[in-house]
Amino acid sequence: MKNQIAILFIATLFISCKNDSKSEVSLDDSRDGLSVREISGNFTYFADAAVFQTKNELFGVVENEKAQELITMAEPLKDAPTDEVRVTLKVMVVKKPEHEEGWENRIDIIDIINVLKVNPKDSEIIKIITENKNH
């Protein structure tokens, strides 16, 4: 059941991409031939899946020390486990390994610039509420 909720949640993120005020800024920094960019978007972590969404793209998140730091920083800003937070990050975009599932591109977080609470009115997350009625 938990996996089904996570898949539904991630699919909802993917489907809910639309034009809005999310922006992406590229930097001309590079490390080991890989492009380092500063990007802004929404981040969510739920059921062991970390997802970053910009205006036009979805990324998986490489789970490392910086990702754990971001998860820890985001937690107090969330009202529900599926809530997203607005972040600006310095990242390297990397391709996913061929043998793994997930989005084609992943971000490897280099630096966390800011983390802000998302106004629920601006959130693109579709929440499914179920009632448990005992008869």
Protein backbone atom coordinates (compact mmCIF):
# COMPACT_ATOMS: atom_id res chain seq x y z
CA MET A 1 0.00 0.00 0.00
CA LYS A 2 2.84 2.39 0.88
CA ASN A 3 4.46 1.75 -2.50
CA GLN A 4 1.18 2.43 -4.29
CA ILE A 5 0.80 5.74 -2.47
CA ALA A 6 4.38 6.70 -3.35
CA ILE A 7 3.85 5.81 -7.02
CA LEU A 8 0.58 7.77 -7.08
CA PHE A 9 2.28 10.72 -5.41
CA ILE A 10 5.20 10.73 -7.85
CA ALA A 11 2.87 10.31 -10.84
CA THR A 12 0.85 13.26 -9.57
CA LEU A 13 3.98 15.38 -9.44
CA PHE A 14 4.82 14.43 -13.00
CA ILE A 15 1.31 15.14 -14.30
CA SER A 16 0.96 18.43 -12.44
CA CYS A 17 3.76 20.21 -14.32
CA LYS A 18 2.38 23.51 -15.63
CA ASN A 19 3.57 27.02 -16.39
CA ASP A 20 4.08 29.02 -13.24
CA SER A 21 6.64 31.26 -11.59
CA LYS A 22 9.22 28.53 -10.98
CA SER A 23 12.52 29.53 -12.51
CA GLU A 24 15.80 27.98 -13.40
CA VAL A 25 19.10 29.83 -13.50
CA SER A 26 22.18 28.28 -15.09
CA LEU A 27 25.68 28.98 -13.91
CA ASP A 28 28.76 28.51 -16.06
CA ASP A 29 30.66 26.69 -13.32
CA SER A 30 31.89 23.17 -13.98
CA ARG A 31 33.41 20.32 -12.02
CA ASP A 32 35.13 17.40 -13.70
CA GLY A 33 33.53 18.34 -17.00
CA LEU A 34 30.00 18.32 -15.53
CA SER A 35 27.88 21.45 -15.52
CA VAL A 36 27.08 22.98 -12.13
CA ARG A 37 23.83 24.92 -12.09
CA GLU A 38 21.83 26.96 -9.64
CA ILE A 39 18.18 25.97 -9.91
CA SER A 40 14.96 26.81 -8.09
CA GLY A 41 11.91 24.65 -7.78
CA ASN A 42 9.91 22.48 -5.42
CA PHE A 43 11.36 19.59 -3.46
CA THR A 44 9.53 16.77 -1.77
CA TYR A 45 10.59 13.65 0.06
CA PHE A 46 8.07 10.93 0.75
CA ALA A 47 8.29 7.16 1.17
CA ASP A 48 12.03 7.10 0.45
CA ALA A 49 11.64 9.05 -2.82
CA ALA A 50 13.22 12.48 -3.22
CA VAL A 51 11.92 14.54 -6.15
CA PHE A 52 12.85 18.00 -7.42
CA GLN A 53 10.56 19.81 -9.86
CA THR A 54 11.29 22.95 -11.87
CA LYS A 55 8.99 24.72 -14.31
CA ASN A 56 9.82 22.29 -17.11
CA GLU A 57 11.62 19.33 -15.60
CA LEU A 58 11.44 16.62 -12.96
CA PHE A 59 14.57 15.20 -11.37
CA GLY A 60 15.31 12.38 -9.04
CA VAL A 61 17.65 13.40 -6.22
CA VAL A 62 20.92 11.60 -5.53
CA GLU A 63 20.61 10.56 -1.90
CA ASN A 64 23.75 11.66 -0.13
CA GLU A 65 24.76 13.84 2.84
CA LYS A 66 23.50 17.08 1.23
CA ALA A 67 20.18 15.47 0.29
CA GLN A 68 19.77 14.29 3.90
CA GLU A 69 20.56 17.83 5.08
CA LEU A 70 17.85 19.20 2.76
CA ILE A 71 15.33 16.60 3.97
CA THR A 72 16.08 17.62 7.57
CA MET A 73 15.74 21.35 6.74
CA ALA A 74 12.45 20.78 4.87
CA GLU A 75 10.73 18.66 7.52
CA PRO A 76 9.71 21.48 9.92
CA LEU A 77 8.27 23.48 6.99
CA LYS A 78 5.85 20.71 5.98
CA ASP A 79 2.34 20.35 7.38
CA ALA A 80 1.89 16.88 5.85
CA PRO A 81 4.41 14.24 4.77
CA THR A 82 3.63 14.86 1.08
CA ASP A 83 4.06 18.66 1.23
CA GLU A 84 6.70 20.25 -0.96
CA VAL A 85 9.10 23.05 -0.08
CA ARG A 86 10.51 25.76 -2.34
CA VAL A 87 14.29 25.50 -2.67
CA THR A 88 17.19 27.05 -4.50
CA LEU A 89 20.09 24.66 -4.94
CA LYS A 90 23.50 24.48 -6.54
CA VAL A 91 23.55 21.10 -8.30
CA MET A 92 25.18 18.89 -10.87
CA VAL A 93 22.74 17.21 -13.23
CA VAL A 94 23.71 13.59 -13.82
CA LYS A 95 22.16 10.75 -15.81
CA LYS A 96 20.67 7.87 -13.85
CA PRO A 97 22.54 4.58 -14.00
CA GLU A 98 21.12 2.28 -16.69
CA HIS A 99 20.25 -0.49 -14.24
CA GLU A 100 18.17 1.74 -11.95
CA GLU A 101 14.57 2.92 -12.21
CA GLY A 102 13.56 6.54 -12.03
CA TRP A 103 13.85 9.77 -13.93
CA GLU A 104 16.43 10.05 -16.70
CA ASN A 105 18.16 12.96 -14.96
CA ARG A 106 19.07 13.31 -11.31
CA ILE A 107 20.47 16.19 -9.34
CA ASP A 108 23.47 15.82 -7.09
CA ILE A 109 23.15 18.63 -4.52
CA ILE A 110 26.35 20.61 -4.00
CA ASP A 111 24.95 23.47 -1.93
CA ILE A 112 21.60 24.43 -0.39
CA ILE A 113 21.01 28.15 -0.96
CA ASN A 114 17.54 28.49 0.59
CA VAL A 115 14.54 26.48 1.73
CA LEU A 116 11.09 28.07 2.06
CA LYS A 117 7.60 26.87 2.92
CA VAL A 118 5.28 26.63 -0.09
CA ASN A 119 1.96 28.43 0.20
CA PRO A 120 -0.69 25.66 0.01
CA LYS A 121 -2.57 27.74 -2.59
CA ASP A 122 0.51 27.64 -4.86
CA SER A 123 1.19 23.93 -4.38
CA GLU A 124 0.63 21.61 -7.33
CA ILE A 125 0.27 18.53 -5.15
CA ILE A 126 -3.09 16.83 -5.44
CA LYS A 127 -4.01 15.35 -2.08
CA ILE A 128 -6.22 12.33 -1.82
CA ILE A 129 -8.08 12.11 1.45
CA THR A 130 -9.70 8.86 2.45
CA GLU A 131 -12.13 8.36 5.25
CA ASN A 132 -12.19 5.23 7.30
CA LYS A 133 -15.82 4.64 8.20
CA ASN A 134 -16.48 1.85 10.62
CA HIS A 135 -19.99 0.44 10.33
